[in-house]
Every structure is written in structure tokens, then in C-alpha cells.
Amino acid sequence: MTKKRAPLGAGLDSDIGNFAGSEGKTKKLPINQNEARNISREAGFPSREAPKTRDRRNVSPYALSKGYKVRSGMHALIIRISDELGVKDHTMHERALLALIEKDCSDDLKAEFERLTK
């Protein structure tokens, strides 16, 4: 048996080395990427870049956590409310609890809340 390879056909009997790309040379793009983004945005194409929003806030100084499920979009709303009030999430929750206790609950619950939040 010979070690000669079978021909590729259609006149493509070249060595594989002839197909190798040029080393160290980069292709110049015909258009600036910022221009391309602007053109695609104007044409109505959605961006594939990840949104530059902040999902994670500062970590709470409290050791205990309460995990519960919320409706879709509620977590983002909690973050927006906290940002608007200029407080962390746990402080916003404490304020909401205090408002509920003052409106609908007994004085002993309010006293316990105040004792816990000293």
C-alpha cells in the first residue's frame, strides 16, 4: 500500500498546507464596530450584548436570611424601591413591616418589632 492520499477531485489536488490561514495577519473590518452597532440599532435589530444592569446589591450585615418566592418582576421592583429610598433591601422590608404593623396589627407586635430592630 502506498501512503499517497486519494485526490480531492475537481482539480483540488493541493497539499493541505496550502489551505492554512495567514499567520499573524488580521483582517480589517470594513466598518467600525461602533458604527455597526449604531446602524443596527437604527434598523431596529435588538442588541445581543448583555444588559448592563446591577442584579446584586450590597450584602446584608444580618446573618439570618428568609428565602421565599416572589412573583415575576417583584425582585427588580424591590431593588428599584430600595434604590429610590436610598436604603438596603432589608431596611426597606423592615419599613414595610412597620407600616403593616402600625396599620393592621396590635400594639404588642409593634413593641416586639421595635425591640428586635433596636
PDB file of N, CA and C in Angstrom:
ATOM      1  N   MET A   1       0.823  -1.186   0.000  1.00  0.00           N
ATOM      2  CA  MET A   1       0.000   0.000   0.000  1.00  0.00           C
ATOM      3  C   MET A   1       0.863   1.244   0.000  1.00  0.00           C
ATOM      4  N   THR A   2       0.442   2.222  -0.707  1.00  0.00           N
ATOM      5  CA  THR A   2       1.182   3.482  -0.747  1.00  0.00           C
ATOM      6  C   THR A   2       0.575   4.450   0.241  1.00  0.00           C
ATOM      7  N   LYS A   3       1.359   5.426   0.663  1.00  0.00           N
ATOM      8  CA  LYS A   3       0.881   6.424   1.607  1.00  0.00           C
ATOM      9  C   LYS A   3       0.329   7.656   0.906  1.00  0.00           C
ATOM     10  N   LYS A   4       0.144   7.585  -0.389  1.00  0.00           N
ATOM     11  CA  LYS A   4      -0.382   8.717  -1.133  1.00  0.00           C
ATOM     12  C   LYS A   4      -1.889   8.809  -0.912  1.00  0.00           C
ATOM     13  N   ARG A   5      -2.354   9.985  -0.657  1.00  0.00           N
ATOM     14  CA  ARG A   5      -3.780  10.189  -0.405  1.00  0.00           C
ATOM     15  C   ARG A   5      -4.555  10.184  -1.699  1.00  0.00           C
ATOM     16  N   ALA A   6      -5.815   9.866  -1.565  1.00  0.00           N
ATOM     17  CA  ALA A   6      -6.695   9.903  -2.726  1.00  0.00           C
ATOM     18  C   ALA A   6      -6.903  11.360  -3.133  1.00  0.00           C
ATOM     19  N   PRO A   7      -7.070  11.628  -4.421  1.00  0.00           N
ATOM     20  CA  PRO A   7      -7.271  13.006  -4.865  1.00  0.00           C
ATOM     21  C   PRO A   7      -8.609  13.558  -4.353  1.00  0.00           C
ATOM     22  N   LEU A   8      -8.654  14.876  -4.139  1.00  0.00           N
ATOM     23  CA  LEU A   8      -9.858  15.539  -3.639  1.00  0.00           C
ATOM     24  C   LEU A   8     -10.897  15.734  -4.728  1.00  0.00           C
ATOM     25  N   GLY A   9     -10.486  15.676  -5.943  1.00  0.00           N
ATOM     26  CA  GLY A   9     -11.424  15.867  -7.044  1.00  0.00           C
ATOM     27  C   GLY A   9     -11.561  17.331  -7.395  1.00  0.00           C
ATOM     28  N   ALA A  10     -12.159  17.597  -8.506  1.00  0.00           N
ATOM     29  CA  ALA A  10     -12.413  18.957  -9.002  1.00  0.00           C
ATOM     30  C   ALA A  10     -11.140  19.778  -9.082  1.00  0.00           C
ATOM     31  N   GLY A  11     -10.017  19.127  -9.344  1.00  0.00           N
ATOM     32  CA  GLY A  11      -8.759  19.846  -9.511  1.00  0.00           C
ATOM     33  C   GLY A  11      -8.167  20.353  -8.212  1.00  0.00           C
ATOM     34  N   LEU A  12      -8.610  19.834  -7.075  1.00  0.00           N
ATOM     35  CA  LEU A  12      -8.117  20.287  -5.779  1.00  0.00           C
ATOM     36  C   LEU A  12      -7.094  19.293  -5.223  1.00  0.00           C
ATOM     37  N   ASP A  13      -6.074  19.019  -5.974  1.00  0.00           N
ATOM     38  CA  ASP A  13      -5.064  18.061  -5.538  1.00  0.00           C
ATOM     39  C   ASP A  13      -3.912  18.748  -4.803  1.00  0.00           C
ATOM     40  N   SER A  14      -4.181  19.854  -4.157  1.00  0.00           N
ATOM     41  CA  SER A  14      -3.143  20.601  -3.453  1.00  0.00           C
ATOM     42  C   SER A  14      -2.860  19.986  -2.091  1.00  0.00           C
ATOM     43  N   ASP A  15      -1.737  20.363  -1.550  1.00  0.00           N
ATOM     44  CA  ASP A  15      -1.366  19.938  -0.214  1.00  0.00           C
ATOM     45  C   ASP A  15      -2.204  20.728   0.800  1.00  0.00           C
ATOM     46  N   ILE A  16      -2.491  20.116   1.946  1.00  0.00           N
ATOM     47  CA  ILE A  16      -3.306  20.782   2.968  1.00  0.00           C
ATOM     48  C   ILE A  16      -2.639  22.057   3.473  1.00  0.00           C
ATOM     49  N   GLY A  17      -1.316  22.122   3.406  1.00  0.00           N
ATOM     50  CA  GLY A  17      -0.591  23.309   3.842  1.00  0.00           C
ATOM     51  C   GLY A  17      -0.949  24.544   3.043  1.00  0.00           C
ATOM     52  N   ASN A  18      -1.405  24.354   1.822  1.00  0.00           N
ATOM     53  CA  ASN A  18      -1.801  25.495   1.000  1.00  0.00           C
ATOM     54  C   ASN A  18      -3.078  26.157   1.497  1.00  0.00           C
ATOM     55  N   PHE A  19      -3.845  25.438   2.310  1.00  0.00           N
ATOM     56  CA  PHE A  19      -5.111  25.972   2.797  1.00  0.00           C
ATOM     57  C   PHE A  19      -4.980  26.673   4.145  1.00  0.00           C
ATOM     58  N   ALA A  20      -3.823  26.603   4.761  1.00  0.00           N
ATOM     59  CA  ALA A  20      -3.621  27.208   6.074  1.00  0.00           C
ATOM     60  C   ALA A  20      -3.772  28.717   5.966  1.00  0.00           C
ATOM     61  N   GLY A  21      -4.309  29.333   7.008  1.00  0.00           N
ATOM     62  CA  GLY A  21      -4.506  30.775   7.024  1.00  0.00           C
ATOM     63  C   GLY A  21      -3.195  31.506   7.204  1.00  0.00           C
ATOM     64  N   SER A  22      -3.227  32.788   6.958  1.00  0.00           N
ATOM     65  CA  SER A  22      -2.018  33.594   7.116  1.00  0.00           C
ATOM     66  C   SER A  22      -1.780  33.812   8.607  1.00  0.00           C
ATOM     67  N   GLU A  23      -0.576  33.572   9.048  1.00  0.00           N
ATOM     68  CA  GLU A  23      -0.261  33.695  10.463  1.00  0.00           C
ATOM     69  C   GLU A  23       0.068  35.138  10.810  1.00  0.00           C
ATOM     70  N   GLY A  24      -0.495  35.606  11.932  1.00  0.00           N
ATOM     71  CA  GLY A  24      -0.169  36.938  12.423  1.00  0.00           C
ATOM     72  C   GLY A  24      -0.867  38.072  11.704  1.00  0.00           C
ATOM     73  N   LYS A  25      -1.554  37.811  10.638  1.00  0.00           N
ATOM     74  CA  LYS A  25      -2.233  38.876   9.912  1.00  0.00           C
ATOM     75  C   LYS A  25      -3.700  38.886  10.336  1.00  0.00           C
ATOM     76  N   THR A  26      -4.208  40.055  10.591  1.00  0.00           N
ATOM     77  CA  THR A  26      -5.618  40.184  10.937  1.00  0.00           C
ATOM     78  C   THR A  26      -6.340  40.886   9.806  1.00  0.00           C
ATOM     79  N   LYS A  27      -7.571  40.493   9.622  1.00  0.00           N
ATOM     80  CA  LYS A  27      -8.378  41.130   8.579  1.00  0.00           C
ATOM     81  C   LYS A  27      -8.911  42.447   9.118  1.00  0.00           C
ATOM     82  N   LYS A  28      -8.907  43.441   8.287  1.00  0.00           N
ATOM     83  CA  LYS A  28      -9.510  44.710   8.662  1.00  0.00           C
ATOM     84  C   LYS A  28     -10.998  44.626   8.392  1.00  0.00           C
ATOM     85  N   LEU A  29     -11.771  44.991   9.382  1.00  0.00           N
ATOM     86  CA  LEU A  29     -13.212  45.013   9.186  1.00  0.00           C
ATOM     87  C   LEU A  29     -13.569  46.216   8.317  1.00  0.00           C
ATOM     88  N   PRO A  30     -14.547  46.050   7.455  1.00  0.00           N
ATOM     89  CA  PRO A  30     -14.889  47.142   6.546  1.00  0.00           C
ATOM     90  C   PRO A  30     -15.546  48.329   7.257  1.00  0.00           C
ATOM     91  N   ILE A  31     -16.001  48.138   8.515  1.00  0.00           N
ATOM     92  CA  ILE A  31     -16.713  49.203   9.210  1.00  0.00           C
ATOM     93  C   ILE A  31     -16.352  49.144  10.692  1.00  0.00           C
ATOM     94  N   ASN A  32     -16.345  50.259  11.338  1.00  0.00           N
ATOM     95  CA  ASN A  32     -16.081  50.359  12.765  1.00  0.00           C
ATOM     96  C   ASN A  32     -17.220  49.663  13.536  1.00  0.00           C
ATOM     97  N   GLN A  33     -16.878  48.992  14.621  1.00  0.00           N
ATOM     98  CA  GLN A  33     -17.913  48.253  15.359  1.00  0.00           C
ATOM     99  C   GLN A  33     -18.938  49.183  16.000  1.00  0.00           C
ATOM    100  N   ASN A  34     -18.514  50.349  16.438  1.00  0.00           N
ATOM    101  CA  ASN A  34     -19.481  51.308  16.995  1.00  0.00           C
ATOM    102  C   ASN A  34     -20.448  51.779  15.920  1.00  0.00           C
ATOM    103  N   GLU A  35     -19.939  51.993  14.721  1.00  0.00           N
ATOM    104  CA  GLU A  35     -20.816  52.377  13.611  1.00  0.00           C
ATOM    105  C   GLU A  35     -21.798  51.261  13.291  1.00  0.00           C
ATOM    106  N   ALA A  36     -21.312  50.015  13.334  1.00  0.00           N
ATOM    107  CA  ALA A  36     -22.182  48.873  13.055  1.00  0.00           C
ATOM    108  C   ALA A  36     -23.284  48.773  14.102  1.00  0.00           C
ATOM    109  N   ARG A  37     -22.951  49.004  15.378  1.00  0.00           N
ATOM    110  CA  ARG A  37     -23.966  48.982  16.443  1.00  0.00           C
ATOM    111  C   ARG A  37     -25.020  50.057  16.211  1.00  0.00           C
ATOM    112  N   ASN A  38     -24.563  51.265  15.849  1.00  0.00           N
ATOM    113  CA  ASN A  38     -25.498  52.361  15.611  1.00  0.00           C
ATOM    114  C   ASN A  38     -26.412  52.062  14.429  1.00  0.00           C
ATOM    115  N   ILE A  39     -25.841  51.529  13.357  1.00  0.00           N
ATOM    116  CA  ILE A  39     -26.639  51.211  12.169  1.00  0.00           C
ATOM    117  C   ILE A  39     -27.669  50.135  12.493  1.00  0.00           C
ATOM    118  N   SER A  40     -27.254  49.085  13.222  1.00  0.00           N
ATOM    119  CA  SER A  40     -28.196  48.005  13.548  1.00  0.00           C
ATOM    120  C   SER A  40     -29.268  48.486  14.512  1.00  0.00           C
ATOM    121  N   ARG A  41     -28.907  49.374  15.456  1.00  0.00           N
ATOM    122  CA  ARG A  41     -29.894  49.914  16.391  1.00  0.00           C
ATOM    123  C   ARG A  41     -30.924  50.746  15.639  1.00  0.00           C
ATOM    124  N   GLU A  42     -30.450  51.559  14.682  1.00  0.00           N
ATOM    125  CA  GLU A  42     -31.367  52.387  13.892  1.00  0.00           C
ATOM    126  C   GLU A  42     -32.270  51.531  13.007  1.00  0.00           C
ATOM    127  N   ALA A  43     -31.761  50.367  12.569  1.00  0.00           N
ATOM    128  CA  ALA A  43     -32.551  49.479  11.723  1.00  0.00           C
ATOM    129  C   ALA A  43     -33.546  48.648  12.535  1.00  0.00           C
ATOM    130  N   GLY A  44     -33.434  48.704  13.872  1.00  0.00           N
ATOM    131  CA  GLY A  44     -34.390  48.010  14.714  1.00  0.00           C
ATOM    132  C   GLY A  44     -33.962  46.620  15.162  1.00  0.00           C
ATOM    133  N   PHE A  45     -32.699  46.270  14.943  1.00  0.00           N
ATOM    134  CA  PHE A  45     -32.222  44.965  15.384  1.00  0.00           C
ATOM    135  C   PHE A  45     -31.890  45.017  16.871  1.00  0.00           C
ATOM    136  N   PRO A  46     -32.315  44.020  17.645  1.00  0.00           N
ATOM    137  CA  PRO A  46     -32.004  44.027  19.081  1.00  0.00           C
ATOM    138  C   PRO A  46     -30.527  43.712  19.307  1.00  0.00           C
ATOM    139  N   SER A  47     -29.984  44.272  20.364  1.00  0.00           N
ATOM    140  CA  SER A  47     -28.583  44.043  20.700  1.00  0.00           C
ATOM    141  C   SER A  47     -28.422  42.677  21.343  1.00  0.00           C
ATOM    142  N   ARG A  48     -27.319  41.996  21.046  1.00  0.00           N
ATOM    143  CA  ARG A  48     -27.042  40.700  21.663  1.00  0.00           C
ATOM    144  C   ARG A  48     -26.133  40.843  22.873  1.00  0.00           C
ATOM    145  N   GLU A  49     -25.747  42.052  23.185  1.00  0.00           N
ATOM    146  CA  GLU A  49     -24.900  42.278  24.336  1.00  0.00           C
ATOM    147  C   GLU A  49     -25.718  42.140  25.613  1.00  0.00           C
ATOM    148  N   ALA A  50     -25.068  41.672  26.667  1.00  0.00           N
ATOM    149  CA  ALA A  50     -25.742  41.518  27.949  1.00  0.00           C
ATOM    150  C   ALA A  50     -26.104  42.896  28.488  1.00  0.00           C
ATOM    151  N   PRO A  51     -27.285  43.017  29.100  1.00  0.00           N
ATOM    152  CA  PRO A  51     -27.657  44.314  29.661  1.00  0.00           C
ATOM    153  C   PRO A  51     -26.716  44.699  30.799  1.00  0.00           C
ATOM    154  N   LYS A  52     -26.445  45.973  30.924  1.00  0.00           N
ATOM    155  CA  LYS A  52     -25.517  46.446  31.939  1.00  0.00           C
ATOM    156  C   LYS A  52     -26.282  46.915  33.164  1.00  0.00           C
ATOM    157  N   THR A  53     -27.048  46.010  33.748  1.00  0.00           N
ATOM    158  CA  THR A  53     -27.801  46.334  34.944  1.00  0.00           C
ATOM    159  C   THR A  53     -27.165  45.650  36.143  1.00  0.00           C
ATOM    160  N   ARG A  54     -27.458  46.168  37.282  1.00  0.00           N
ATOM    161  CA  ARG A  54     -26.894  45.632  38.504  1.00  0.00           C
ATOM    162  C   ARG A  54     -27.920  44.708  39.144  1.00  0.00           C
ATOM    163  N   ASP A  55     -27.610  43.408  39.229  1.00  0.00           N
ATOM    164  CA  ASP A  55     -28.509  42.449  39.848  1.00  0.00           C
ATOM    165  C   ASP A  55     -28.205  42.249  41.330  1.00  0.00           C
ATOM    166  N   ARG A  56     -26.954  42.363  41.660  1.00  0.00           N
ATOM    167  CA  ARG A  56     -26.530  42.049  43.018  1.00  0.00           C
ATOM    168  C   ARG A  56     -26.277  43.335  43.787  1.00  0.00           C
ATOM    169  N   ARG A  57     -26.890  43.428  44.939  1.00  0.00           N
ATOM    170  CA  ARG A  57     -26.698  44.592  45.787  1.00  0.00           C
ATOM    171  C   ARG A  57     -25.694  44.265  46.885  1.00  0.00           C
ATOM    172  N   ASN A  58     -25.418  45.232  47.709  1.00  0.00           N
ATOM    173  CA  ASN A  58     -24.508  45.009  48.827  1.00  0.00           C
ATOM    174  C   ASN A  58     -25.060  43.916  49.739  1.00  0.00           C
ATOM    175  N   VAL A  59     -24.170  43.157  50.327  1.00  0.00           N
ATOM    176  CA  VAL A  59     -24.577  42.048  51.185  1.00  0.00           C
ATOM    177  C   VAL A  59     -25.066  42.594  52.517  1.00  0.00           C
ATOM    178  N   SER A  60     -26.137  42.033  53.005  1.00  0.00           N
ATOM    179  CA  SER A  60     -26.726  42.450  54.262  1.00  0.00           C
ATOM    180  C   SER A  60     -25.814  42.091  55.433  1.00  0.00           C
ATOM    181  N   PRO A  61     -25.759  42.937  56.446  1.00  0.00           N
ATOM    182  CA  PRO A  61     -24.945  42.614  57.614  1.00  0.00           C
ATOM    183  C   PRO A  61     -25.601  41.587  58.526  1.00  0.00           C
ATOM    184  N   TYR A  62     -26.841  41.216  58.252  1.00  0.00           N
ATOM    185  CA  TYR A  62     -27.561  40.276  59.102  1.00  0.00           C
ATOM    186  C   TYR A  62     -27.235  38.842  58.713  1.00  0.00           C
ATOM    187  N   ALA A  63     -27.151  37.969  59.715  1.00  0.00           N
ATOM    188  CA  ALA A  63     -26.738  36.587  59.491  1.00  0.00           C
ATOM    189  C   ALA A  63     -27.885  35.705  59.008  1.00  0.00           C
ATOM    190  N   LEU A  64     -29.086  35.949  59.463  1.00  0.00           N
ATOM    191  CA  LEU A  64     -30.224  35.120  59.070  1.00  0.00           C
ATOM    192  C   LEU A  64     -30.832  35.630  57.775  1.00  0.00           C
ATOM    193  N   SER A  65     -31.280  34.681  56.972  1.00  0.00           N
ATOM    194  CA  SER A  65     -31.937  35.071  55.728  1.00  0.00           C
ATOM    195  C   SER A  65     -33.268  34.347  55.622  1.00  0.00           C
ATOM    196  N   LYS A  66     -34.193  34.980  54.948  1.00  0.00           N
ATOM    197  CA  LYS A  66     -35.516  34.396  54.741  1.00  0.00           C
ATOM    198  C   LYS A  66     -35.681  34.195  53.249  1.00  0.00           C
ATOM    199  N   GLY A  67     -35.729  32.942  52.830  1.00  0.00           N
ATOM    200  CA  GLY A  67     -35.908  32.668  51.414  1.00  0.00           C
ATOM    201  C   GLY A  67     -37.367  32.417  51.106  1.00  0.00           C
ATOM    202  N   TYR A  68     -37.911  33.186  50.203  1.00  0.00           N
ATOM    203  CA  TYR A  68     -39.290  32.986  49.789  1.00  0.00           C
ATOM    204  C   TYR A  68     -39.415  33.360  48.324  1.00  0.00           C
ATOM    205  N   LYS A  69     -40.436  32.839  47.700  1.00  0.00           N
ATOM    206  CA  LYS A  69     -40.652  33.090  46.278  1.00  0.00           C
ATOM    207  C   LYS A  69     -41.493  34.345  46.110  1.00  0.00           C
ATOM    208  N   VAL A  70     -41.189  35.086  45.053  1.00  0.00           N
ATOM    209  CA  VAL A  70     -41.967  36.273  44.721  1.00  0.00           C
ATOM    210  C   VAL A  70     -42.400  36.176  43.266  1.00  0.00           C
ATOM    211  N   ARG A  71     -43.363  36.969  42.903  1.00  0.00           N
ATOM    212  CA  ARG A  71     -43.845  36.969  41.525  1.00  0.00           C
ATOM    213  C   ARG A  71     -42.781  37.503  40.586  1.00  0.00           C
ATOM    214  N   SER A  72     -42.943  37.169  39.321  1.00  0.00           N
ATOM    215  CA  SER A  72     -42.000  37.601  38.293  1.00  0.00           C
ATOM    216  C   SER A  72     -41.922  39.122  38.271  1.00  0.00           C
ATOM    217  N   GLY A  73     -40.717  39.661  38.303  1.00  0.00           N
ATOM    218  CA  GLY A  73     -40.514  41.101  38.270  1.00  0.00           C
ATOM    219  C   GLY A  73     -40.512  41.766  39.627  1.00  0.00           C
ATOM    220  N   MET A  74     -40.943  41.038  40.669  1.00  0.00           N
ATOM    221  CA  MET A  74     -41.037  41.632  42.003  1.00  0.00           C
ATOM    222  C   MET A  74     -39.652  41.916  42.589  1.00  0.00           C
ATOM    223  N   HIS A  75     -38.686  41.034  42.311  1.00  0.00           N
ATOM    224  CA  HIS A  75     -37.336  41.239  42.839  1.00  0.00           C
ATOM    225  C   HIS A  75     -36.741  42.533  42.292  1.00  0.00           C
ATOM    226  N   ALA A  76     -36.909  42.766  41.003  1.00  0.00           N
ATOM    227  CA  ALA A  76     -36.409  44.004  40.400  1.00  0.00           C
ATOM    228  C   ALA A  76     -37.116  45.223  40.989  1.00  0.00           C
ATOM    229  N   LEU A  77     -38.409  45.086  41.289  1.00  0.00           N
ATOM    230  CA  LEU A  77     -39.159  46.188  41.897  1.00  0.00           C
ATOM    231  C   LEU A  77     -38.636  46.488  43.295  1.00  0.00           C
ATOM    232  N   ILE A  78     -38.326  45.454  44.069  1.00  0.00           N
ATOM    233  CA  ILE A  78     -37.777  45.645  45.413  1.00  0.00           C
ATOM    234  C   ILE A  78     -36.455  46.407  45.330  1.00  0.00           C
ATOM    235  N   ILE A  79     -35.617  46.047  44.378  1.00  0.00           N
ATOM    236  CA  ILE A  79     -34.339  46.735  44.204  1.00  0.00           C
ATOM    237  C   ILE A  79     -34.559  48.193  43.811  1.00  0.00           C
ATOM    238  N   ARG A  80     -35.505  48.449  42.915  1.00  0.00           N
ATOM    239  CA  ARG A  80     -35.780  49.837  42.495  1.00  0.00           C
ATOM    240  C   ARG A  80     -36.301  50.679  43.652  1.00  0.00           C
ATOM    241  N   ILE A  81     -37.201  50.098  44.472  1.00  0.00           N
ATOM    242  CA  ILE A  81     -37.736  50.829  45.627  1.00  0.00           C
ATOM    243  C   ILE A  81     -36.613  51.138  46.608  1.00  0.00           C
ATOM    244  N   SER A  82     -35.769  50.142  46.876  1.00  0.00           N
ATOM    245  CA  SER A  82     -34.650  50.347  47.801  1.00  0.00           C
ATOM    246  C   SER A  82     -33.710  51.429  47.288  1.00  0.00           C
ATOM    247  N   ASP A  83     -33.419  51.405  45.992  1.00  0.00           N
ATOM    248  CA  ASP A  83     -32.548  52.426  45.406  1.00  0.00           C
ATOM    249  C   ASP A  83     -33.171  53.818  45.521  1.00  0.00           C
ATOM    250  N   GLU A  84     -34.476  53.908  45.260  1.00  0.00           N
ATOM    251  CA  GLU A  84     -35.144  55.204  45.331  1.00  0.00           C
ATOM    252  C   GLU A  84     -35.166  55.743  46.752  1.00  0.00           C
ATOM    253  N   LEU A  85     -35.334  54.844  47.736  1.00  0.00           N
ATOM    254  CA  LEU A  85     -35.322  55.272  49.138  1.00  0.00           C
ATOM    255  C   LEU A  85     -33.903  55.487  49.654  1.00  0.00           C
ATOM    256  N   GLY A  86     -32.928  54.961  48.949  1.00  0.00           N
ATOM    257  CA  GLY A  86     -31.544  55.106  49.378  1.00  0.00           C
ATOM    258  C   GLY A  86     -31.174  54.199  50.532  1.00  0.00           C
ATOM    259  N   VAL A  87     -31.839  53.046  50.614  1.00  0.00           N
ATOM    260  CA  VAL A  87     -31.569  52.095  51.694  1.00  0.00           C
ATOM    261  C   VAL A  87     -31.301  50.716  51.100  1.00  0.00           C
ATOM    262  N   LYS A  88     -30.828  49.802  51.939  1.00  0.00           N
ATOM    263  CA  LYS A  88     -30.630  48.423  51.503  1.00  0.00           C
ATOM    264  C   LYS A  88     -31.964  47.682  51.558  1.00  0.00           C
ATOM    265  N   ASP A  89     -32.001  46.507  50.928  1.00  0.00           N
ATOM    266  CA  ASP A  89     -33.245  45.745  50.830  1.00  0.00           C
ATOM    267  C   ASP A  89     -33.830  45.416  52.199  1.00  0.00           C
ATOM    268  N   HIS A  90     -32.985  45.001  53.138  1.00  0.00           N
ATOM    269  CA  HIS A  90     -33.515  44.594  54.445  1.00  0.00           C
ATOM    270  C   HIS A  90     -34.151  45.777  55.171  1.00  0.00           C
ATOM    271  N   THR A  91     -33.616  46.986  54.997  1.00  0.00           N
ATOM    272  CA  THR A  91     -34.203  48.168  55.627  1.00  0.00           C
ATOM    273  C   THR A  91     -35.550  48.490  54.994  1.00  0.00           C
ATOM    274  N   MET A  92     -35.637  48.316  53.678  1.00  0.00           N
ATOM    275  CA  MET A  92     -36.906  48.558  53.003  1.00  0.00           C
ATOM    276  C   MET A  92     -37.966  47.569  53.497  1.00  0.00           C
ATOM    277  N   HIS A  93     -37.574  46.295  53.677  1.00  0.00           N
ATOM    278  CA  HIS A  93     -38.521  45.304  54.198  1.00  0.00           C
ATOM    279  C   HIS A  93     -38.945  45.652  55.624  1.00  0.00           C
ATOM    280  N   GLU A  94     -38.011  46.105  56.444  1.00  0.00           N
ATOM    281  CA  GLU A  94     -38.359  46.483  57.817  1.00  0.00           C
ATOM    282  C   GLU A  94     -39.337  47.651  57.836  1.00  0.00           C
ATOM    283  N   ARG A  95     -39.115  48.626  56.956  1.00  0.00           N
ATOM    284  CA  ARG A  95     -40.046  49.759  56.887  1.00  0.00           C
ATOM    285  C   ARG A  95     -41.440  49.305  56.453  1.00  0.00           C
ATOM    286  N   ALA A  96     -41.490  48.387  55.492  1.00  0.00           N
ATOM    287  CA  ALA A  96     -42.783  47.880  55.025  1.00  0.00           C
ATOM    288  C   ALA A  96     -43.490  47.103  56.142  1.00  0.00           C
ATOM    289  N   LEU A  97     -42.735  46.293  56.883  1.00  0.00           N
ATOM    290  CA  LEU A  97     -43.328  45.559  58.008  1.00  0.00           C
ATOM    291  C   LEU A  97     -43.868  46.517  59.060  1.00  0.00           C
ATOM    292  N   LEU A  98     -43.101  47.547  59.383  1.00  0.00           N
ATOM    293  CA  LEU A  98     -43.556  48.516  60.379  1.00  0.00           C
ATOM    294  C   LEU A  98     -44.845  49.200  59.928  1.00  0.00           C
ATOM    295  N   ALA A  99     -44.928  49.556  58.660  1.00  0.00           N
ATOM    296  CA  ALA A  99     -46.146  50.193  58.144  1.00  0.00           C
ATOM    297  C   ALA A  99     -47.340  49.253  58.258  1.00  0.00           C
ATOM    298  N   LEU A 100     -47.147  47.962  57.958  1.00  0.00           N
ATOM    299  CA  LEU A 100     -48.240  46.991  58.094  1.00  0.00           C
ATOM    300  C   LEU A 100     -48.640  46.804  59.548  1.00  0.00           C
ATOM    301  N   ILE A 101     -47.649  46.722  60.429  1.00  0.00           N
ATOM    302  CA  ILE A 101     -47.945  46.538  61.853  1.00  0.00           C
ATOM    303  C   ILE A 101     -48.710  47.738  62.392  1.00  0.00           C
ATOM    304  N   GLU A 102     -48.271  48.942  62.053  1.00  0.00           N
ATOM    305  CA  GLU A 102     -48.949  50.147  62.538  1.00  0.00           C
ATOM    306  C   GLU A 102     -50.369  50.253  62.001  1.00  0.00           C
ATOM    307  N   LYS A 103     -50.590  49.773  60.805  1.00  0.00           N
ATOM    308  CA  LYS A 103     -51.915  49.899  60.193  1.00  0.00           C
ATOM    309  C   LYS A 103     -52.888  48.827  60.686  1.00  0.00           C
ATOM    310  N   ASP A 104     -52.447  47.563  60.745  1.00  0.00           N
ATOM    311  CA  ASP A 104     -53.397  46.475  60.950  1.00  0.00           C
ATOM    312  C   ASP A 104     -53.178  45.611  62.192  1.00  0.00           C
ATOM    313  N   CYS A 105     -52.083  45.775  62.904  1.00  0.00           N
ATOM    314  CA  CYS A 105     -51.775  44.826  63.982  1.00  0.00           C
ATOM    315  C   CYS A 105     -51.851  45.468  65.363  1.00  0.00           C
ATOM    316  N   SER A 106     -51.674  44.609  66.370  1.00  0.00           N
ATOM    317  CA  SER A 106     -51.789  45.062  67.756  1.00  0.00           C
ATOM    318  C   SER A 106     -50.510  45.746  68.223  1.00  0.00           C
ATOM    319  N   ASP A 107     -50.647  46.412  69.397  1.00  0.00           N
ATOM    320  CA  ASP A 107     -49.517  47.154  69.949  1.00  0.00           C
ATOM    321  C   ASP A 107     -48.401  46.232  70.426  1.00  0.00           C
ATOM    322  N   ASP A 108     -48.737  45.005  70.841  1.00  0.00           N
ATOM    323  CA  ASP A 108     -47.685  44.093  71.301  1.00  0.00           C
ATOM    324  C   ASP A 108     -46.768  43.670  70.144  1.00  0.00           C
ATOM    325  N   LEU A 109     -47.314  43.536  68.937  1.00  0.00           N
ATOM    326  CA  LEU A 109     -46.465  43.241  67.781  1.00  0.00           C
ATOM    327  C   LEU A 109     -45.557  44.418  67.456  1.00  0.00           C
ATOM    328  N   LYS A 110     -46.084  45.643  67.606  1.00  0.00           N
ATOM    329  CA  LYS A 110     -45.256  46.815  67.355  1.00  0.00           C
ATOM    330  C   LYS A 110     -44.133  46.901  68.386  1.00  0.00           C
ATOM    331  N   ALA A 111     -44.437  46.591  69.632  1.00  0.00           N
ATOM    332  CA  ALA A 111     -43.415  46.617  70.681  1.00  0.00           C
ATOM    333  C   ALA A 111     -42.337  45.568  70.405  1.00  0.00           C
ATOM    334  N   GLU A 112     -42.741  44.381  69.950  1.00  0.00           N
ATOM    335  CA  GLU A 112     -41.765  43.334  69.627  1.00  0.00           C
ATOM    336  C   GLU A 112     -40.902  43.744  68.435  1.00  0.00           C
ATOM    337  N   PHE A 113     -41.523  44.356  67.433  1.00  0.00           N
ATOM    338  CA  PHE A 113     -40.773  44.837  66.270  1.00  0.00           C
ATOM    339  C   PHE A 113     -39.732  45.861  66.696  1.00  0.00           C
ATOM    340  N   GLU A 114     -40.139  46.806  67.550  1.00  0.00           N
ATOM    341  CA  GLU A 114     -39.205  47.835  67.998  1.00  0.00           C
ATOM    342  C   GLU A 114     -38.075  47.242  68.834  1.00  0.00           C
ATOM    343  N   ARG A 115     -38.368  46.207  69.606  1.00  0.00           N
ATOM    344  CA  ARG A 115     -37.338  45.551  70.410  1.00  0.00           C
ATOM    345  C   ARG A 115     -36.325  44.852  69.487  1.00  0.00           C
ATOM    346  N   LEU A 116     -36.818  44.218  68.420  1.00  0.00           N
ATOM    347  CA  LEU A 116     -35.937  43.496  67.509  1.00  0.00           C
ATOM    348  C   LEU A 116     -35.093  44.415  66.636  1.00  0.00           C
ATOM    349  N   THR A 117     -35.591  45.610  66.361  1.00  0.00           N
ATOM    350  CA  THR A 117     -34.885  46.495  65.437  1.00  0.00           C
ATOM    351  C   THR A 117     -34.078  47.585  66.133  1.00  0.00           C
ATOM    352  N   LYS A 118     -33.892  47.476  67.438  1.00  0.00           N
ATOM    353  CA  LYS A 118     -33.072  48.470  68.165  1.00  0.00           C
ATOM    354  C   LYS A 118     -31.686  48.524  67.624  1.00  0.00           C
TER     355      LYS A 118
END
